[in-house]
Amino acid sequence: MTTQGPVHLRWRAASAAPETETFPDLDAALDAVEARWETLQDQAPQILDARRILLISTDQLKAAMVEDDDEAGS
């Protein structure tokens, strides 16, 4: 599932303004979300395309991470 980049990971940490991180493609952004899920899960993470249009919502990321956990437990 490679989407041409850059793509942006956006989340809300302690401040009111969202934080963002840029990745070369969607796969890299998803890998970062998976690696930091324990921290990001309560910070409304979203993945945006190069124009900053929503690609993957917080709910979709949560569903994907739960799916990954289920598969790892099998």
PDB file of N, CA and C in Angstrom:
ATOM      1  N   MET A   1       0.843  -1.172   0.000  1.00  0.00           N
ATOM      2  CA  MET A   1       0.000   0.000   0.000  1.00  0.00           C
ATOM      3  C   MET A   1       0.894   1.242   0.000  1.00  0.00           C
ATOM      4  N   THR A   2       1.637   1.448  -1.039  1.00  0.00           N
ATOM      5  CA  THR A   2       2.527   2.598  -1.083  1.00  0.00           C
ATOM      6  C   THR A   2       1.840   3.770  -1.759  1.00  0.00           C
ATOM      7  N   THR A   3       1.692   4.849  -1.039  1.00  0.00           N
ATOM      8  CA  THR A   3       1.187   6.093  -1.596  1.00  0.00           C
ATOM      9  C   THR A   3       2.374   7.018  -1.757  1.00  0.00           C
ATOM     10  N   GLN A   4       2.469   7.638  -2.936  1.00  0.00           N
ATOM     11  CA  GLN A   4       3.566   8.561  -3.175  1.00  0.00           C
ATOM     12  C   GLN A   4       3.583   9.634  -2.097  1.00  0.00           C
ATOM     13  N   GLY A   5       4.748   9.976  -1.673  1.00  0.00           N
ATOM     14  CA  GLY A   5       4.896  10.937  -0.604  1.00  0.00           C
ATOM     15  C   GLY A   5       5.149  12.322  -1.105  1.00  0.00           C
ATOM     16  N   PRO A   6       5.399  13.182  -0.224  1.00  0.00           N
ATOM     17  CA  PRO A   6       5.474  12.846   1.200  1.00  0.00           C
ATOM     18  C   PRO A   6       4.088  12.706   1.808  1.00  0.00           C
ATOM     19  N   VAL A   7       4.032  11.998   2.924  1.00  0.00           N
ATOM     20  CA  VAL A   7       2.822  11.917   3.727  1.00  0.00           C
ATOM     21  C   VAL A   7       3.166  12.428   5.113  1.00  0.00           C
ATOM     22  N   HIS A   8       2.146  12.879   5.820  1.00  0.00           N
ATOM     23  CA  HIS A   8       2.358  13.501   7.122  1.00  0.00           C
ATOM     24  C   HIS A   8       1.590  12.748   8.195  1.00  0.00           C
ATOM     25  N   LEU A   9       2.259  12.513   9.305  1.00  0.00           N
ATOM     26  CA  LEU A   9       1.627  11.972  10.503  1.00  0.00           C
ATOM     27  C   LEU A   9       1.356  13.164  11.404  1.00  0.00           C
ATOM     28  N   ARG A  10       0.094  13.310  11.816  1.00  0.00           N
ATOM     29  CA  ARG A  10      -0.278  14.427  12.689  1.00  0.00           C
ATOM     30  C   ARG A  10      -0.909  13.849  13.943  1.00  0.00           C
ATOM     31  N   TRP A  11      -0.555  14.419  15.104  1.00  0.00           N
ATOM     32  CA  TRP A  11      -1.128  13.990  16.373  1.00  0.00           C
ATOM     33  C   TRP A  11      -1.135  15.168  17.330  1.00  0.00           C
ATOM     34  N   ARG A  12      -1.911  15.037  18.380  1.00  0.00           N
ATOM     35  CA  ARG A  12      -1.995  16.095  19.403  1.00  0.00           C
ATOM     36  C   ARG A  12      -1.324  15.584  20.668  1.00  0.00           C
ATOM     37  N   ALA A  13      -0.232  16.210  21.003  1.00  0.00           N
ATOM     38  CA  ALA A  13       0.483  15.856  22.233  1.00  0.00           C
ATOM     39  C   ALA A  13       0.012  16.791  23.338  1.00  0.00           C
ATOM     40  N   ALA A  14       0.900  17.356  24.072  1.00  0.00           N
ATOM     41  CA  ALA A  14       0.550  18.202  25.216  1.00  0.00           C
ATOM     42  C   ALA A  14       0.054  19.582  24.814  1.00  0.00           C
ATOM     43  N   SER A  15       0.462  20.094  23.672  1.00  0.00           N
ATOM     44  CA  SER A  15       0.072  21.452  23.286  1.00  0.00           C
ATOM     45  C   SER A  15      -1.227  21.447  22.483  1.00  0.00           C
ATOM     46  N   ALA A  16      -1.813  22.614  22.329  1.00  0.00           N
ATOM     47  CA  ALA A  16      -3.056  22.745  21.571  1.00  0.00           C
ATOM     48  C   ALA A  16      -2.822  22.546  20.075  1.00  0.00           C
ATOM     49  N   ALA A  17      -1.676  22.988  19.593  1.00  0.00           N
ATOM     50  CA  ALA A  17      -1.354  22.829  18.174  1.00  0.00           C
ATOM     51  C   ALA A  17      -0.902  21.395  17.901  1.00  0.00           C
ATOM     52  N   PRO A  18      -1.352  20.824  16.792  1.00  0.00           N
ATOM     53  CA  PRO A  18      -0.918  19.461  16.481  1.00  0.00           C
ATOM     54  C   PRO A  18       0.556  19.412  16.095  1.00  0.00           C
ATOM     55  N   GLU A  19       1.164  18.282  16.375  1.00  0.00           N
ATOM     56  CA  GLU A  19       2.539  18.042  15.948  1.00  0.00           C
ATOM     57  C   GLU A  19       2.481  17.239  14.661  1.00  0.00           C
ATOM     58  N   THR A  20       3.464  17.406  13.803  1.00  0.00           N
ATOM     59  CA  THR A  20       3.503  16.647  12.554  1.00  0.00           C
ATOM     60  C   THR A  20       4.903  16.120  12.299  1.00  0.00           C
ATOM     61  N   GLU A  21       4.928  15.032  11.569  1.00  0.00           N
ATOM     62  CA  GLU A  21       6.187  14.440  11.126  1.00  0.00           C
ATOM     63  C   GLU A  21       5.970  14.004   9.677  1.00  0.00           C
ATOM     64  N   THR A  22       6.955  14.193   8.843  1.00  0.00           N
ATOM     65  CA  THR A  22       6.832  13.887   7.416  1.00  0.00           C
ATOM     66  C   THR A  22       7.607  12.623   7.076  1.00  0.00           C
ATOM     67  N   PHE A  23       7.006  11.802   6.207  1.00  0.00           N
ATOM     68  CA  PHE A  23       7.605  10.537   5.779  1.00  0.00           C
ATOM     69  C   PHE A  23       7.610  10.472   4.253  1.00  0.00           C
ATOM     70  N   PRO A  24       8.521   9.704   3.680  1.00  0.00           N
ATOM     71  CA  PRO A  24       8.616   9.636   2.221  1.00  0.00           C
ATOM     72  C   PRO A  24       7.411   8.970   1.555  1.00  0.00           C
ATOM     73  N   ASP A  25       6.749   8.046   2.275  1.00  0.00           N
ATOM     74  CA  ASP A  25       5.583   7.369   1.711  1.00  0.00           C
ATOM     75  C   ASP A  25       4.686   6.838   2.826  1.00  0.00           C
ATOM     76  N   LEU A  26       3.544   6.311   2.440  1.00  0.00           N
ATOM     77  CA  LEU A  26       2.556   5.836   3.402  1.00  0.00           C
ATOM     78  C   LEU A  26       3.081   4.679   4.237  1.00  0.00           C
ATOM     79  N   ASP A  27       3.817   3.767   3.622  1.00  0.00           N
ATOM     80  CA  ASP A  27       4.359   2.620   4.365  1.00  0.00           C
ATOM     81  C   ASP A  27       5.243   3.063   5.518  1.00  0.00           C
ATOM     82  N   ALA A  28       6.085   4.050   5.277  1.00  0.00           N
ATOM     83  CA  ALA A  28       6.978   4.545   6.331  1.00  0.00           C
ATOM     84  C   ALA A  28       6.173   5.178   7.464  1.00  0.00           C
ATOM     85  N   ALA A  29       5.132   5.917   7.120  1.00  0.00           N
ATOM     86  CA  ALA A  29       4.291   6.543   8.144  1.00  0.00           C
ATOM     87  C   ALA A  29       3.572   5.477   8.967  1.00  0.00           C
ATOM     88  N   LEU A  30       3.040   4.456   8.311  1.00  0.00           N
ATOM     89  CA  LEU A  30       2.356   3.379   9.038  1.00  0.00           C
ATOM     90  C   LEU A  30       3.325   2.620   9.942  1.00  0.00           C
ATOM     91  N   ASP A  31       4.535   2.407   9.481  1.00  0.00           N
ATOM     92  CA  ASP A  31       5.551   1.754  10.324  1.00  0.00           C
ATOM     93  C   ASP A  31       5.828   2.581  11.574  1.00  0.00           C
ATOM     94  N   ALA A  32       5.896   3.902  11.416  1.00  0.00           N
ATOM     95  CA  ALA A  32       6.146   4.784  12.564  1.00  0.00           C
ATOM     96  C   ALA A  32       4.981   4.741  13.544  1.00  0.00           C
ATOM     97  N   VAL A  33       3.758   4.738  13.027  1.00  0.00           N
ATOM     98  CA  VAL A  33       2.583   4.655  13.897  1.00  0.00           C
ATOM     99  C   VAL A  33       2.607   3.347  14.676  1.00  0.00           C
ATOM    100  N   GLU A  34       2.880   2.257  13.993  1.00  0.00           N
ATOM    101  CA  GLU A  34       2.913   0.952  14.648  1.00  0.00           C
ATOM    102  C   GLU A  34       3.992   0.912  15.737  1.00  0.00           C
ATOM    103  N   ALA A  35       5.147   1.453  15.448  1.00  0.00           N
ATOM    104  CA  ALA A  35       6.253   1.437  16.406  1.00  0.00           C
ATOM    105  C   ALA A  35       5.957   2.286  17.642  1.00  0.00           C
ATOM    106  N   ARG A  36       5.181   3.352  17.470  1.00  0.00           N
ATOM    107  CA  ARG A  36       4.913   4.275  18.585  1.00  0.00           C
ATOM    108  C   ARG A  36       3.462   4.234  19.045  1.00  0.00           C
ATOM    109  N   TRP A  37       2.752   3.179  18.735  1.00  0.00           N
ATOM    110  CA  TRP A  37       1.330   3.115  19.021  1.00  0.00           C
ATOM    111  C   TRP A  37       0.996   3.320  20.497  1.00  0.00           C
ATOM    112  N   GLU A  38       1.773   2.781  21.392  1.00  0.00           N
ATOM    113  CA  GLU A  38       1.508   2.940  22.833  1.00  0.00           C
ATOM    114  C   GLU A  38       1.402   4.415  23.216  1.00  0.00           C
ATOM    115  N   THR A  39       2.227   5.244  22.625  1.00  0.00           N
ATOM    116  CA  THR A  39       2.216   6.686  22.908  1.00  0.00           C
ATOM    117  C   THR A  39       1.148   7.404  22.097  1.00  0.00           C
ATOM    118  N   LEU A  40       1.025   7.064  20.828  1.00  0.00           N
ATOM    119  CA  LEU A  40       0.148   7.802  19.922  1.00  0.00           C
ATOM    120  C   LEU A  40      -1.342   7.490  20.077  1.00  0.00           C
ATOM    121  N   GLN A  41      -1.681   6.328  20.590  1.00  0.00           N
ATOM    122  CA  GLN A  41      -3.077   5.896  20.555  1.00  0.00           C
ATOM    123  C   GLN A  41      -4.043   6.858  21.228  1.00  0.00           C
ATOM    124  N   ASP A  42      -3.624   7.600  22.215  1.00  0.00           N
ATOM    125  CA  ASP A  42      -4.484   8.553  22.900  1.00  0.00           C
ATOM    126  C   ASP A  42      -4.257   9.997  22.451  1.00  0.00           C
ATOM    127  N   GLN A  43      -3.546  10.171  21.332  1.00  0.00           N
ATOM    128  CA  GLN A  43      -3.208  11.515  20.870  1.00  0.00           C
ATOM    129  C   GLN A  43      -3.799  11.831  19.495  1.00  0.00           C
ATOM    130  N   ALA A  44      -4.879  11.153  19.129  1.00  0.00           N
ATOM    131  CA  ALA A  44      -5.607  11.398  17.872  1.00  0.00           C
ATOM    132  C   ALA A  44      -4.696  11.425  16.643  1.00  0.00           C
ATOM    133  N   PRO A  45      -3.950  10.349  16.391  1.00  0.00           N
ATOM    134  CA  PRO A  45      -3.081  10.337  15.217  1.00  0.00           C
ATOM    135  C   PRO A  45      -3.888  10.258  13.922  1.00  0.00           C
ATOM    136  N   GLN A  46      -3.383  10.912  12.891  1.00  0.00           N
ATOM    137  CA  GLN A  46      -3.972  10.876  11.554  1.00  0.00           C
ATOM    138  C   GLN A  46      -2.832  10.892  10.549  1.00  0.00           C
ATOM    139  N   ILE A  47      -3.091  10.320   9.375  1.00  0.00           N
ATOM    140  CA  ILE A  47      -2.108  10.366   8.302  1.00  0.00           C
ATOM    141  C   ILE A  47      -2.721  11.170   7.158  1.00  0.00           C
ATOM    142  N   LEU A  48      -1.947  12.143   6.682  1.00  0.00           N
ATOM    143  CA  LEU A  48      -2.395  13.067   5.645  1.00  0.00           C
ATOM    144  C   LEU A  48      -1.513  12.932   4.408  1.00  0.00           C
ATOM    145  N   ASP A  49      -2.071  13.250   3.239  1.00  0.00           N
ATOM    146  CA  ASP A  49      -1.259  13.202   2.022  1.00  0.00           C
ATOM    147  C   ASP A  49      -0.423  14.472   1.872  1.00  0.00           C
ATOM    148  N   ALA A  50       0.257  14.607   0.756  1.00  0.00           N
ATOM    149  CA  ALA A  50       1.148  15.747   0.538  1.00  0.00           C
ATOM    150  C   ALA A  50       0.402  17.080   0.566  1.00  0.00           C
ATOM    151  N   ARG A  51      -0.885  17.064   0.196  1.00  0.00           N
ATOM    152  CA  ARG A  51      -1.693  18.285   0.229  1.00  0.00           C
ATOM    153  C   ARG A  51      -2.356  18.482   1.586  1.00  0.00           C
ATOM    154  N   ARG A  52      -2.031  17.588   2.517  1.00  0.00           N
ATOM    155  CA  ARG A  52      -2.575  17.588   3.879  1.00  0.00           C
ATOM    156  C   ARG A  52      -4.063  17.268   3.906  1.00  0.00           C
ATOM    157  N   ILE A  53      -4.468  16.379   3.002  1.00  0.00           N
ATOM    158  CA  ILE A  53      -5.821  15.849   2.985  1.00  0.00           C
ATOM    159  C   ILE A  53      -5.792  14.508   3.705  1.00  0.00           C
ATOM    160  N   LEU A  54      -6.783  14.267   4.542  1.00  0.00           N
ATOM    161  CA  LEU A  54      -6.823  13.066   5.361  1.00  0.00           C
ATOM    162  C   LEU A  54      -6.803  11.794   4.517  1.00  0.00           C
ATOM    163  N   LEU A  55      -5.841  10.930   4.795  1.00  0.00           N
ATOM    164  CA  LEU A  55      -5.767   9.612   4.160  1.00  0.00           C
ATOM    165  C   LEU A  55      -6.289   8.526   5.097  1.00  0.00           C
ATOM    166  N   ILE A  56      -5.835   8.576   6.358  1.00  0.00           N
ATOM    167  CA  ILE A  56      -6.211   7.555   7.335  1.00  0.00           C
ATOM    168  C   ILE A  56      -6.578   8.260   8.642  1.00  0.00           C
ATOM    169  N   SER A  57      -7.804   8.029   9.090  1.00  0.00           N
ATOM    170  CA  SER A  57      -8.305   8.688  10.298  1.00  0.00           C
ATOM    171  C   SER A  57      -7.815   7.990  11.561  1.00  0.00           C
ATOM    172  N   THR A  58      -8.054   8.627  12.673  1.00  0.00           N
ATOM    173  CA  THR A  58      -7.710   8.050  13.972  1.00  0.00           C
ATOM    174  C   THR A  58      -8.426   6.711  14.164  1.00  0.00           C
ATOM    175  N   ASP A  59      -9.709   6.670  13.845  1.00  0.00           N
ATOM    176  CA  ASP A  59     -10.477   5.430  14.007  1.00  0.00           C
ATOM    177  C   ASP A  59      -9.929   4.309  13.126  1.00  0.00           C
ATOM    178  N   GLN A  60      -9.539   4.641  11.914  1.00  0.00           N
ATOM    179  CA  GLN A  60      -8.975   3.632  11.027  1.00  0.00           C
ATOM    180  C   GLN A  60      -7.634   3.124  11.548  1.00  0.00           C
ATOM    181  N   LEU A  61      -6.823   4.024  12.092  1.00  0.00           N
ATOM    182  CA  LEU A  61      -5.541   3.592  12.666  1.00  0.00           C
ATOM    183  C   LEU A  61      -5.772   2.690  13.875  1.00  0.00           C
ATOM    184  N   LYS A  62      -6.733   3.066  14.738  1.00  0.00           N
ATOM    185  CA  LYS A  62      -7.033   2.227  15.904  1.00  0.00           C
ATOM    186  C   LYS A  62      -7.477   0.839  15.468  1.00  0.00           C
ATOM    187  N   ALA A  63      -8.348   0.773  14.471  1.00  0.00           N
ATOM    188  CA  ALA A  63      -8.822  -0.521  13.980  1.00  0.00           C
ATOM    189  C   ALA A  63      -7.674  -1.355  13.421  1.00  0.00           C
ATOM    190  N   ALA A  64      -6.768  -0.714  12.693  1.00  0.00           N
ATOM    191  CA  ALA A  64      -5.625  -1.431  12.121  1.00  0.00           C
ATOM    192  C   ALA A  64      -4.694  -1.946  13.211  1.00  0.00           C
ATOM    193  N   MET A  65      -4.473  -1.168  14.253  1.00  0.00           N
ATOM    194  CA  MET A  65      -3.575  -1.591  15.329  1.00  0.00           C
ATOM    195  C   MET A  65      -4.204  -2.732  16.138  1.00  0.00           C
ATOM    196  N   VAL A  66      -5.512  -2.701  16.326  1.00  0.00           N
ATOM    197  CA  VAL A  66      -6.194  -3.801  17.019  1.00  0.00           C
ATOM    198  C   VAL A  66      -6.112  -5.063  16.171  1.00  0.00           C
ATOM    199  N   GLU A  67      -6.278  -4.911  14.860  1.00  0.00           N
ATOM    200  CA  GLU A  67      -6.159  -6.036  13.942  1.00  0.00           C
ATOM    201  C   GLU A  67      -4.771  -6.640  14.013  1.00  0.00           C
ATOM    202  N   ASP A  68      -3.738  -5.795  14.014  1.00  0.00           N
ATOM    203  CA  ASP A  68      -2.364  -6.262  14.112  1.00  0.00           C
ATOM    204  C   ASP A  68      -2.127  -7.008  15.416  1.00  0.00           C
ATOM    205  N   ASP A  69      -2.679  -6.503  16.521  1.00  0.00           N
ATOM    206  CA  ASP A  69      -2.533  -7.173  17.817  1.00  0.00           C
ATOM    207  C   ASP A  69      -3.203  -8.533  17.793  1.00  0.00           C
ATOM    208  N   ASP A  70      -4.384  -8.617  17.174  1.00  0.00           N
ATOM    209  CA  ASP A  70      -5.095  -9.894  17.073  1.00  0.00           C
ATOM    210  C   ASP A  70      -4.296 -10.906  16.276  1.00  0.00           C
ATOM    211  N   GLU A  71      -3.697 -10.463  15.180  1.00  0.00           N
ATOM    212  CA  GLU A  71      -2.901 -11.356  14.343  1.00  0.00           C
ATOM    213  C   GLU A  71      -1.636 -11.804  15.062  1.00  0.00           C
ATOM    214  N   ALA A  72      -1.039 -10.925  15.840  1.00  0.00           N
ATOM    215  CA  ALA A  72       0.185 -11.270  16.576  1.00  0.00           C
ATOM    216  C   ALA A  72      -0.122 -12.283  17.679  1.00  0.00           C
ATOM    217  N   GLY A  73      -1.311 -12.212  18.239  1.00  0.00           N
ATOM    218  CA  GLY A  73      -1.697 -13.114  19.311  1.00  0.00           C
ATOM    219  C   GLY A  73      -2.091 -14.490  18.831  1.00  0.00           C
ATOM    220  N   SER A  74      -2.344 -14.634  17.539  1.00  0.00           N
ATOM    221  CA  SER A  74      -2.783 -15.927  16.987  1.00  0.00           C
ATOM    222  C   SER A  74      -1.647 -16.888  16.798  1.00  0.00           C
TER     223      SER A  74
END
